[in-house]
Amino acid sequence: MSKPPENAFTHGPMPAIFARTALPIIFVMGMNGLLTVADAVFLGIYIGPEALGAVTLMFPMYMLVVALATLVASGMSSLLARHLGGQRLDAAKAVFTGAHGLALAISVVLNVLFVLVGHQLVLLTAGGSAELAALGEIYLRITVLFSPLVFVLSVNSDALRNEGRVGLMAAMSLLVALANIGFNYVLIAVLDMGVAGSAYGTAMAQILALAIIVVFRLRGQTVLRPQVLLAHSWVSGWGRILALGAPQSLGFVGLALNAAAIVAALQLHGEGDYAVTISAYGITTRVMTFVYLPLLGLGHAMQTIAGNNYGARDFGRTDASLKLTLGIALIYSLTSQIILVLFAAPIAGMFVSAPAVINSVVRITPMMTALFFLAGPLMMLASYFQAIGQASRAAILGLSKPYLFALPLTFALPLAFGETGVWLAGPMAEILLALVAMVVLAQTARSLGLRRGLFSAERVQPA
């Protein structure tokens, strides 16, 4: 049996390792964000604001699909990185197989649920509008039908990252994103397939991505070949995968619930034209998703590096990855916040030409992005605790904002401030999460012997 290759994350200068790991992943996420923006532009220009509004209203349910895929991939990633870092290859193969079984099982359940209650759920989300419901149901039906692709791709993308194949990830994502944009343009602008064209274009790009991964796993240098799926149990590690994946997954569920809460609150407390406000909210959400995804990629890179080094019990290198990530996240988040506020009008003009919608985007963006500079570092803290297997602390930092703070504030603040309170709920939740983070770090410092609750104290290492 050939000797496994040297782990790329546990040897060599940390800055260089971080650069070659993080930059491709951030690039991947950026391309995914660009695809999100391009899709919205196509919908707005070639179909109309009704299509953009319908897809925006389906956003909470789409995020539920993403959340479930993240549940499996993220939980597997935490285990896989540490198994690979510790050269426990049989364990790595077992968790990789179990993740595939769990991914397919959840996607089947999701399809069954859509058949049973999908139509009623779409009608409820659309507020009784037959036109919005019809467009939204077409989009969502296709998305759910092809959800197994989303699940399997999420598992394999995270596996590639933890195997050190970030260059392949970047090249594949560039190809797939460009193909997706091309597919969407042809299906929407040329063939006039409407929202169905958007959903089918995404599915076609996902099929292309899966084909590339299958070829690599058959012919490339990897220990996670397709035959390992036949050599291990498909229910292997489900419990641990779910436990470790829950914090990040429930974070996406929280995003979905908050999006639904904002729509409901606007119906109750909106002060202007509801259709205009929803369109403006849809544009702002797409743009903030584009900004958010590179932060998610940064967290994934840190998870991979920290997880591998933690698995190898090199805690100094684990600390170094976190320090670097926190600094980058702060700079990126602050810069993004400034750009979004200063250039809100021209950004909105990329999607629509209606002055009322553009003015609405300019009005709500400063409120929605206030204190965004805190979001990046706080996200990195949650990712760090997940990477080292501290699921409870990751859950507290990942779930407090959407569930304990943002949801209640979205309904409570408008009672005092009207529609403005809807947009201020997010920044207020960010402040409260920062306070929770301080408490978590203080408790961590006491229980694990860490400086400031983050870094290994001299001669005292975390368990």
Protein backbone atom coordinates (compact mmCIF):
# COMPACT_ATOMS: atom_id res chain seq x y z
CA MET A 1 0.00 0.00 0.00
CA SER A 2 1.44 3.41 -0.98
CA LYS A 3 2.35 5.91 1.74
CA PRO A 4 -0.26 8.69 2.08
CA PRO A 5 0.95 12.13 0.96
CA GLU A 6 2.18 14.64 3.56
CA ASN A 7 -0.63 16.74 5.00
CA ALA A 8 -0.49 20.13 3.27
CA PHE A 9 -1.99 21.97 6.25
CA THR A 10 0.26 20.79 9.08
CA HIS A 11 3.64 21.70 7.57
CA GLY A 12 5.12 24.88 6.15
CA PRO A 13 4.63 28.62 6.72
CA MET A 14 1.11 29.40 7.92
CA PRO A 15 0.61 32.60 5.84
CA ALA A 16 1.47 30.76 2.63
CA ILE A 17 -0.76 27.83 3.52
CA PHE A 18 -3.58 30.18 4.36
CA ALA A 19 -3.17 32.10 1.09
CA ARG A 20 -3.25 29.05 -1.14
CA THR A 21 -6.16 27.56 0.83
CA ALA A 22 -8.33 30.61 1.50
CA LEU A 23 -7.98 32.52 -1.76
CA PRO A 24 -9.32 29.74 -4.01
CA ILE A 25 -12.21 29.07 -1.62
CA ILE A 26 -13.05 32.77 -1.40
CA PHE A 27 -12.87 32.91 -5.17
CA VAL A 28 -15.26 29.97 -5.34
CA MET A 29 -17.72 31.68 -3.04
CA GLY A 30 -17.35 34.93 -4.93
CA MET A 31 -18.24 33.21 -8.17
CA ASN A 32 -21.30 31.69 -6.51
CA GLY A 33 -22.25 35.17 -5.34
CA LEU A 34 -21.74 36.57 -8.83
CA LEU A 35 -24.07 33.89 -10.14
CA THR A 36 -26.71 34.95 -7.62
CA VAL A 37 -26.45 38.56 -8.78
CA ALA A 38 -26.44 37.65 -12.49
CA ASP A 39 -29.51 35.47 -12.06
CA ALA A 40 -31.39 38.33 -10.41
CA VAL A 41 -30.32 40.71 -13.19
CA PHE A 42 -31.61 38.31 -15.86
CA LEU A 43 -34.91 37.90 -14.03
CA GLY A 44 -35.37 41.63 -13.58
CA ILE A 45 -34.39 42.65 -17.11
CA TYR A 46 -35.78 39.85 -19.28
CA ILE A 47 -38.85 38.74 -17.32
CA GLY A 48 -39.83 41.60 -15.07
CA PRO A 49 -40.14 42.63 -11.42
CA GLU A 50 -42.88 40.04 -10.82
CA ALA A 51 -40.43 37.20 -11.49
CA LEU A 52 -37.78 38.78 -9.28
CA GLY A 53 -40.38 39.28 -6.57
CA ALA A 54 -41.64 35.70 -6.82
CA VAL A 55 -38.14 34.23 -6.52
CA THR A 56 -37.44 36.60 -3.61
CA LEU A 57 -40.53 35.34 -1.81
CA MET A 58 -39.31 31.75 -2.35
CA PHE A 59 -35.94 32.65 -0.80
CA PRO A 60 -36.80 31.32 2.69
CA MET A 61 -37.65 27.87 1.30
CA TYR A 62 -34.61 27.87 -0.97
CA MET A 63 -32.46 28.68 2.08
CA LEU A 64 -34.01 25.69 3.83
CA VAL A 65 -32.60 23.44 1.09
CA VAL A 66 -29.20 25.11 1.51
CA ALA A 67 -29.42 24.70 5.27
CA LEU A 68 -30.07 20.97 5.02
CA ALA A 69 -27.21 20.50 2.56
CA THR A 70 -24.96 22.48 4.90
CA LEU A 71 -26.07 20.30 7.81
CA VAL A 72 -24.53 17.25 6.17
CA ALA A 73 -21.50 18.82 4.49
CA SER A 74 -20.44 20.97 7.42
CA GLY A 75 -20.79 18.19 9.97
CA MET A 76 -18.82 15.82 7.75
CA SER A 77 -16.17 18.50 7.16
CA SER A 78 -15.41 18.90 10.86
CA LEU A 79 -14.87 15.15 11.25
CA LEU A 80 -13.10 14.62 7.94
CA ALA A 81 -10.52 17.37 8.49
CA ARG A 82 -9.48 15.93 11.84
CA HIS A 83 -9.37 12.35 10.53
CA LEU A 84 -7.20 13.38 7.60
CA GLY A 85 -5.01 15.51 9.84
CA GLY A 86 -4.46 12.53 12.15
CA GLN A 87 -3.91 10.13 9.20
CA ARG A 88 -6.98 8.08 10.22
CA LEU A 89 -7.86 7.22 6.63
CA ASP A 90 -10.33 4.41 7.33
CA ALA A 91 -12.31 6.72 9.59
CA ALA A 92 -12.20 9.41 6.92
CA LYS A 93 -13.59 7.02 4.31
CA ALA A 94 -16.35 5.90 6.68
CA VAL A 95 -17.54 9.43 7.45
CA PHE A 96 -17.36 10.34 3.74
CA THR A 97 -19.63 7.39 2.93
CA GLY A 98 -22.02 8.14 5.76
CA ALA A 99 -22.34 11.74 4.59
CA HIS A 100 -23.46 10.56 1.15
CA GLY A 101 -26.09 8.29 2.68
CA LEU A 102 -27.41 11.05 4.91
CA ALA A 103 -27.43 13.55 2.03
CA LEU A 104 -29.52 11.32 -0.21
CA ALA A 105 -31.91 10.36 2.61
CA ILE A 106 -32.64 14.01 3.47
CA SER A 107 -33.13 14.99 -0.17
CA VAL A 108 -35.67 12.19 -0.65
CA VAL A 109 -37.60 13.32 2.44
CA LEU A 110 -37.52 16.89 1.13
CA ASN A 111 -39.09 15.85 -2.18
CA VAL A 112 -41.82 13.89 -0.41
CA LEU A 113 -42.67 16.86 1.81
CA PHE A 114 -42.88 19.17 -1.19
CA VAL A 115 -45.37 16.84 -2.88
CA LEU A 116 -47.51 16.78 0.27
CA VAL A 117 -47.49 20.45 1.35
CA GLY A 118 -45.50 22.41 -1.23
CA HIS A 119 -48.45 24.02 -3.00
CA GLN A 120 -50.08 25.24 0.20
CA LEU A 121 -46.77 26.56 1.51
CA VAL A 122 -46.13 28.54 -1.67
CA LEU A 123 -49.60 30.10 -1.53
CA LEU A 124 -49.05 31.12 2.08
CA THR A 125 -45.66 32.65 1.30
CA ALA A 126 -47.04 34.57 -1.67
CA GLY A 127 -49.69 36.16 0.51
CA GLY A 128 -52.51 34.80 -1.63
CA SER A 129 -51.24 36.34 -4.90
CA ALA A 130 -52.02 33.82 -7.64
CA GLU A 131 -49.42 35.28 -10.04
CA LEU A 132 -46.58 35.27 -7.51
CA ALA A 133 -47.58 31.81 -6.27
CA ALA A 134 -47.63 30.34 -9.79
CA LEU A 135 -44.17 31.70 -10.63
CA GLY A 136 -42.77 30.78 -7.23
CA GLU A 137 -44.09 27.21 -7.33
CA ILE A 138 -42.52 26.57 -10.75
CA TYR A 139 -39.14 27.75 -9.48
CA LEU A 140 -39.34 25.88 -6.18
CA ARG A 141 -40.61 22.60 -7.67
CA ILE A 142 -37.60 22.34 -10.00
CA THR A 143 -35.20 23.37 -7.22
CA VAL A 144 -36.47 20.68 -4.84
CA LEU A 145 -36.56 18.03 -7.60
CA PHE A 146 -32.86 18.52 -8.25
CA SER A 147 -31.93 18.95 -4.58
CA PRO A 148 -29.98 15.63 -4.48
CA LEU A 149 -27.43 17.35 -6.73
CA VAL A 150 -27.08 20.17 -4.20
CA PHE A 151 -26.56 17.72 -1.34
CA VAL A 152 -24.00 15.49 -3.07
CA LEU A 153 -22.08 18.47 -4.46
CA SER A 154 -21.92 20.08 -1.00
CA VAL A 155 -20.49 16.90 0.49
CA ASN A 156 -17.89 16.49 -2.25
CA SER A 157 -16.90 20.15 -2.33
CA ASP A 158 -16.20 20.13 1.41
CA ALA A 159 -14.32 16.84 1.00
CA LEU A 160 -12.14 18.31 -1.76
CA ARG A 161 -11.36 21.30 0.45
CA ASN A 162 -10.28 19.09 3.34
CA GLU A 163 -8.18 16.96 0.99
CA GLY A 164 -6.24 20.09 0.00
CA ARG A 165 -7.72 20.22 -3.52
CA VAL A 166 -8.70 23.89 -3.34
CA GLY A 167 -7.17 24.61 -6.74
CA LEU A 168 -9.45 22.04 -8.34
CA MET A 169 -12.37 23.52 -6.45
CA ALA A 170 -11.59 26.99 -7.78
CA ALA A 171 -11.20 25.87 -11.39
CA MET A 172 -14.34 23.77 -11.25
CA SER A 173 -16.37 26.55 -9.64
CA LEU A 174 -15.24 29.08 -12.23
CA LEU A 175 -16.27 26.73 -15.03
CA VAL A 176 -19.59 25.88 -13.39
CA ALA A 177 -20.46 29.48 -12.51
CA LEU A 178 -19.74 30.68 -16.02
CA ALA A 179 -21.70 27.74 -17.44
CA ASN A 180 -24.58 28.53 -15.08
CA ILE A 181 -24.65 32.15 -16.19
CA GLY A 182 -24.56 30.99 -19.80
CA PHE A 183 -27.31 28.42 -19.28
CA ASN A 184 -29.49 30.99 -17.50
CA TYR A 185 -29.00 33.56 -20.23
CA VAL A 186 -29.95 31.11 -22.96
CA LEU A 187 -32.93 29.67 -21.08
CA ILE A 188 -34.24 32.99 -19.79
CA ALA A 189 -33.32 35.60 -22.42
CA VAL A 190 -33.23 33.49 -25.59
CA LEU A 191 -35.72 30.65 -24.99
CA ASP A 192 -38.00 32.76 -22.76
CA MET A 193 -38.47 29.98 -20.20
CA GLY A 194 -38.99 32.44 -17.33
CA VAL A 195 -38.29 31.38 -13.76
CA ALA A 196 -38.12 27.75 -14.91
CA GLY A 197 -35.10 28.70 -17.02
CA SER A 198 -33.34 30.01 -13.92
CA ALA A 199 -33.95 26.78 -12.00
CA TYR A 200 -33.05 24.48 -14.92
CA GLY A 201 -29.90 26.47 -15.66
CA THR A 202 -28.71 25.94 -12.12
CA ALA A 203 -29.45 22.20 -12.30
CA MET A 204 -27.55 21.86 -15.59
CA ALA A 205 -24.51 23.55 -14.08
CA GLN A 206 -24.68 21.26 -11.04
CA ILE A 207 -24.71 18.20 -13.29
CA LEU A 208 -21.57 19.51 -14.99
CA ALA A 209 -19.89 20.01 -11.60
CA LEU A 210 -20.78 16.51 -10.44
CA ALA A 211 -19.36 15.02 -13.64
CA ILE A 212 -16.05 16.81 -13.06
CA ILE A 213 -15.85 15.54 -9.48
CA VAL A 214 -16.63 11.96 -10.52
CA VAL A 215 -13.82 12.05 -13.09
CA PHE A 216 -11.38 13.34 -10.48
CA ARG A 217 -12.38 10.71 -7.92
CA LEU A 218 -11.95 7.97 -10.54
CA ARG A 219 -8.62 9.13 -11.96
CA GLY A 220 -7.07 11.68 -9.59
CA GLN A 221 -4.84 11.24 -6.57
CA THR A 222 -7.29 10.82 -3.69
CA VAL A 223 -8.06 8.30 -0.97
CA LEU A 224 -11.78 9.04 -1.28
CA ARG A 225 -12.52 7.12 -4.45
CA PRO A 226 -16.06 6.09 -5.46
CA GLN A 227 -15.46 2.49 -4.40
CA VAL A 228 -15.19 3.54 -0.74
CA LEU A 229 -18.95 4.17 -0.90
CA LEU A 230 -19.41 0.40 -1.31
CA ALA A 231 -16.96 -0.56 1.42
CA HIS A 232 -18.49 1.33 4.34
CA SER A 233 -21.91 1.75 5.92
CA TRP A 234 -24.12 4.48 4.46
CA VAL A 235 -25.37 5.30 7.97
CA SER A 236 -21.87 5.62 9.42
CA GLY A 237 -21.43 8.63 11.71
CA TRP A 238 -24.87 10.14 11.12
CA GLY A 239 -25.30 11.21 14.73
CA ARG A 240 -21.95 13.00 14.97
CA ILE A 241 -22.37 14.58 11.53
CA LEU A 242 -25.75 15.98 12.53
CA ALA A 243 -24.44 17.27 15.88
CA LEU A 244 -21.46 19.07 14.36
CA GLY A 245 -23.32 20.30 11.29
CA ALA A 246 -26.30 21.61 13.24
CA PRO A 247 -24.85 25.00 14.30
CA GLN A 248 -23.99 26.18 10.80
CA SER A 249 -27.07 24.54 9.28
CA LEU A 250 -29.41 26.06 11.82
CA GLY A 251 -27.75 29.36 11.06
CA PHE A 252 -29.02 29.05 7.48
CA VAL A 253 -32.43 28.02 8.79
CA GLY A 254 -32.32 31.16 10.88
CA LEU A 255 -31.62 33.21 7.76
CA ALA A 256 -34.63 31.61 6.09
CA LEU A 257 -36.88 32.29 9.08
CA ASN A 258 -35.67 35.87 9.33
CA ALA A 259 -36.34 36.44 5.63
CA ALA A 260 -39.86 35.09 6.11
CA ALA A 261 -40.28 37.26 9.22
CA ILE A 262 -39.20 40.38 7.30
CA VAL A 263 -41.74 39.67 4.57
CA ALA A 264 -44.49 39.19 7.18
CA ALA A 265 -43.44 42.32 9.09
CA LEU A 266 -43.48 44.39 5.91
CA GLN A 267 -47.03 43.22 5.21
CA LEU A 268 -48.00 44.45 8.68
CA HIS A 269 -45.91 47.60 9.03
CA GLY A 270 -44.82 48.63 5.53
CA GLU A 271 -45.11 52.39 4.98
CA GLY A 272 -44.90 52.57 1.19
CA ASP A 273 -45.74 50.53 -1.90
CA TYR A 274 -45.38 46.90 -0.80
CA ALA A 275 -44.28 45.67 -4.24
CA VAL A 276 -41.60 48.37 -4.43
CA THR A 277 -40.32 47.57 -0.95
CA ILE A 278 -40.20 43.82 -1.65
CA SER A 279 -38.28 44.44 -4.89
CA ALA A 280 -35.82 46.67 -3.03
CA TYR A 281 -35.45 44.07 -0.29
CA GLY A 282 -34.83 41.38 -2.91
CA ILE A 283 -32.07 43.43 -4.53
CA THR A 284 -30.43 44.24 -1.21
CA THR A 285 -30.62 40.60 -0.16
CA ARG A 286 -28.94 39.43 -3.38
CA VAL A 287 -26.14 41.97 -2.97
CA MET A 288 -25.59 41.12 0.69
CA THR A 289 -25.50 37.42 -0.23
CA PHE A 290 -22.77 38.24 -2.74
CA VAL A 291 -20.83 39.99 0.03
CA TYR A 292 -21.55 37.28 2.60
CA LEU A 293 -20.39 34.27 0.58
CA PRO A 294 -16.66 35.18 0.57
CA LEU A 295 -16.88 35.45 4.36
CA LEU A 296 -18.35 31.96 4.41
CA GLY A 297 -15.47 30.82 2.23
CA LEU A 298 -12.99 32.42 4.62
CA GLY A 299 -14.57 30.51 7.48
CA HIS A 300 -14.40 27.26 5.52
CA ALA A 301 -10.69 27.78 4.86
CA MET A 302 -10.01 28.46 8.50
CA GLN A 303 -12.02 25.38 9.48
CA THR A 304 -9.92 23.22 7.20
CA ILE A 305 -6.57 24.57 8.40
CA ALA A 306 -7.52 24.73 12.08
CA GLY A 307 -9.20 21.31 11.97
CA ASN A 308 -6.22 19.58 10.38
CA ASN A 309 -3.75 21.15 12.82
CA TYR A 310 -6.01 20.50 15.79
CA GLY A 311 -6.27 16.87 14.70
CA ALA A 312 -2.47 16.74 14.54
CA ARG A 313 -2.39 18.40 18.02
CA ASP A 314 -0.36 21.38 16.82
CA PHE A 315 -2.26 24.00 18.78
CA GLY A 316 0.11 26.84 17.99
CA ARG A 317 -0.68 26.53 14.29
CA THR A 318 -4.37 26.22 15.13
CA ASP A 319 -4.14 29.56 16.96
CA ALA A 320 -2.25 31.19 14.10
CA SER A 321 -4.98 30.32 11.60
CA LEU A 322 -7.63 31.91 13.81
CA LYS A 323 -5.68 35.11 14.44
CA LEU A 324 -5.15 35.67 10.74
CA THR A 325 -8.77 34.92 9.91
CA LEU A 326 -10.16 37.34 12.49
CA GLY A 327 -8.08 40.20 11.11
CA ILE A 328 -9.05 39.53 7.50
CA ALA A 329 -12.75 39.18 8.40
CA LEU A 330 -12.78 42.53 10.20
CA ILE A 331 -11.13 44.41 7.32
CA TYR A 332 -13.34 42.78 4.69
CA SER A 333 -16.58 43.38 6.60
CA LEU A 334 -15.81 47.04 7.31
CA THR A 335 -14.79 47.71 3.69
CA SER A 336 -17.91 45.98 2.37
CA GLN A 337 -20.17 47.99 4.65
CA ILE A 338 -18.71 51.29 3.45
CA ILE A 339 -19.00 50.33 -0.23
CA LEU A 340 -22.60 49.13 0.07
CA VAL A 341 -23.70 52.38 1.70
CA LEU A 342 -21.80 54.76 -0.59
CA PHE A 343 -22.75 53.02 -3.84
CA ALA A 344 -26.28 51.82 -3.05
CA ALA A 345 -27.87 53.75 -5.93
CA PRO A 346 -25.62 52.54 -8.78
CA ILE A 347 -25.76 49.00 -7.41
CA ALA A 348 -29.56 49.08 -7.46
CA GLY A 349 -29.45 50.50 -10.97
CA MET A 350 -27.80 47.29 -12.17
CA PHE A 351 -31.03 45.41 -11.44
CA VAL A 352 -33.85 47.82 -12.23
CA SER A 353 -34.43 51.22 -13.78
CA ALA A 354 -37.45 52.18 -11.67
CA PRO A 355 -36.55 55.26 -9.56
CA ALA A 356 -38.90 54.24 -6.75
CA VAL A 357 -37.15 50.88 -6.29
CA ILE A 358 -33.68 52.47 -6.49
CA ASN A 359 -34.66 55.08 -3.89
CA SER A 360 -35.98 52.36 -1.64
CA VAL A 361 -32.69 50.45 -1.88
CA VAL A 362 -30.79 53.63 -1.00
CA ARG A 363 -33.08 54.13 1.99
CA ILE A 364 -32.89 50.65 3.52
CA THR A 365 -29.26 49.69 2.79
CA PRO A 366 -27.60 51.85 5.49
CA MET A 367 -29.94 50.40 8.10
CA MET A 368 -29.58 46.77 6.98
CA THR A 369 -25.77 46.96 6.81
CA ALA A 370 -25.21 48.93 10.02
CA LEU A 371 -22.64 47.11 12.19
CA PHE A 372 -21.89 44.62 9.41
CA PHE A 373 -18.21 45.03 10.36
CA LEU A 374 -18.96 42.88 13.44
CA ALA A 375 -20.56 40.07 11.43
CA GLY A 376 -17.35 38.70 9.88
CA PRO A 377 -15.28 38.25 13.07
CA LEU A 378 -18.27 36.80 14.95
CA MET A 379 -18.84 34.30 12.15
CA MET A 380 -15.18 33.24 12.31
CA LEU A 381 -15.45 32.55 16.04
CA ALA A 382 -18.36 30.18 15.48
CA SER A 383 -16.49 28.43 12.65
CA TYR A 384 -13.40 28.04 14.85
CA PHE A 385 -15.27 26.31 17.66
CA GLN A 386 -16.92 23.99 15.14
CA ALA A 387 -13.53 23.17 13.59
CA ILE A 388 -12.09 22.03 16.93
CA GLY A 389 -15.18 19.99 17.80
CA GLN A 390 -16.69 22.38 20.38
CA ALA A 391 -20.23 22.00 19.03
CA SER A 392 -22.02 23.64 21.97
CA ARG A 393 -19.99 26.85 21.78
CA ALA A 394 -20.34 26.91 17.98
CA ALA A 395 -24.09 26.53 18.41
CA ILE A 396 -24.34 29.40 20.87
CA LEU A 397 -22.40 31.77 18.61
CA GLY A 398 -24.06 30.56 15.42
CA LEU A 399 -27.67 30.41 16.58
CA SER A 400 -28.18 33.17 19.12
CA LYS A 401 -28.42 35.94 16.55
CA PRO A 402 -31.09 34.50 14.22
CA TYR A 403 -33.23 32.76 16.83
CA LEU A 404 -32.89 34.63 20.14
CA PHE A 405 -32.40 38.14 18.78
CA ALA A 406 -33.23 38.83 15.12
CA LEU A 407 -36.57 37.00 14.96
CA PRO A 408 -38.13 38.60 18.06
CA LEU A 409 -36.70 42.03 17.20
CA THR A 410 -38.11 41.89 13.66
CA PHE A 411 -41.61 41.79 15.12
CA ALA A 412 -40.99 43.89 18.25
CA LEU A 413 -39.11 46.92 16.91
CA PRO A 414 -41.74 47.84 14.26
CA LEU A 415 -44.25 48.28 17.08
CA ALA A 416 -42.23 51.29 18.23
CA PHE A 417 -40.47 52.45 15.04
CA GLY A 418 -42.73 51.29 12.21
CA GLU A 419 -41.08 49.92 9.07
CA THR A 420 -37.72 51.34 10.18
CA GLY A 421 -37.73 48.82 13.02
CA VAL A 422 -37.77 45.96 10.49
CA TRP A 423 -34.45 47.10 9.06
CA LEU A 424 -32.86 47.89 12.45
CA ALA A 425 -33.53 44.39 13.85
CA GLY A 426 -30.40 42.93 12.20
CA PRO A 427 -27.91 45.49 13.57
CA MET A 428 -29.46 45.30 17.04
CA ALA A 429 -29.08 41.51 16.92
CA GLU A 430 -25.41 41.96 15.96
CA ILE A 431 -24.77 44.02 19.10
CA LEU A 432 -26.42 41.42 21.31
CA LEU A 433 -24.43 38.60 19.66
CA ALA A 434 -21.19 40.48 20.36
CA LEU A 435 -22.11 40.59 24.04
CA VAL A 436 -22.86 36.85 24.00
CA ALA A 437 -19.47 36.21 22.34
CA MET A 438 -17.71 38.00 25.18
CA VAL A 439 -19.45 35.77 27.71
CA VAL A 440 -18.62 32.61 25.73
CA LEU A 441 -14.96 33.56 25.42
CA ALA A 442 -14.70 34.33 29.14
CA GLN A 443 -16.22 30.96 30.01
CA THR A 444 -13.95 29.21 27.51
CA ALA A 445 -10.88 30.84 29.02
CA ARG A 446 -11.82 29.54 32.46
CA SER A 447 -12.72 25.99 31.41
CA LEU A 448 -9.98 25.28 28.85
CA GLY A 449 -7.13 27.47 30.04
CA LEU A 450 -7.02 29.75 27.01
CA ARG A 451 -5.87 33.35 26.70
CA ARG A 452 -8.93 35.58 26.10
CA GLY A 453 -10.92 32.40 25.42
CA LEU A 454 -9.23 31.96 22.03
CA PHE A 455 -5.59 30.98 22.08
CA SER A 456 -3.72 28.20 23.85
CA ALA A 457 -2.02 29.40 27.01
CA GLU A 458 1.55 28.33 27.60
CA ARG A 459 1.78 24.67 28.66
CA VAL A 460 -2.02 24.48 28.93
CA GLN A 461 -3.64 22.94 25.88
CA PRO A 462 -7.33 22.32 25.15
CA ALA A 463 -8.59 18.78 25.46
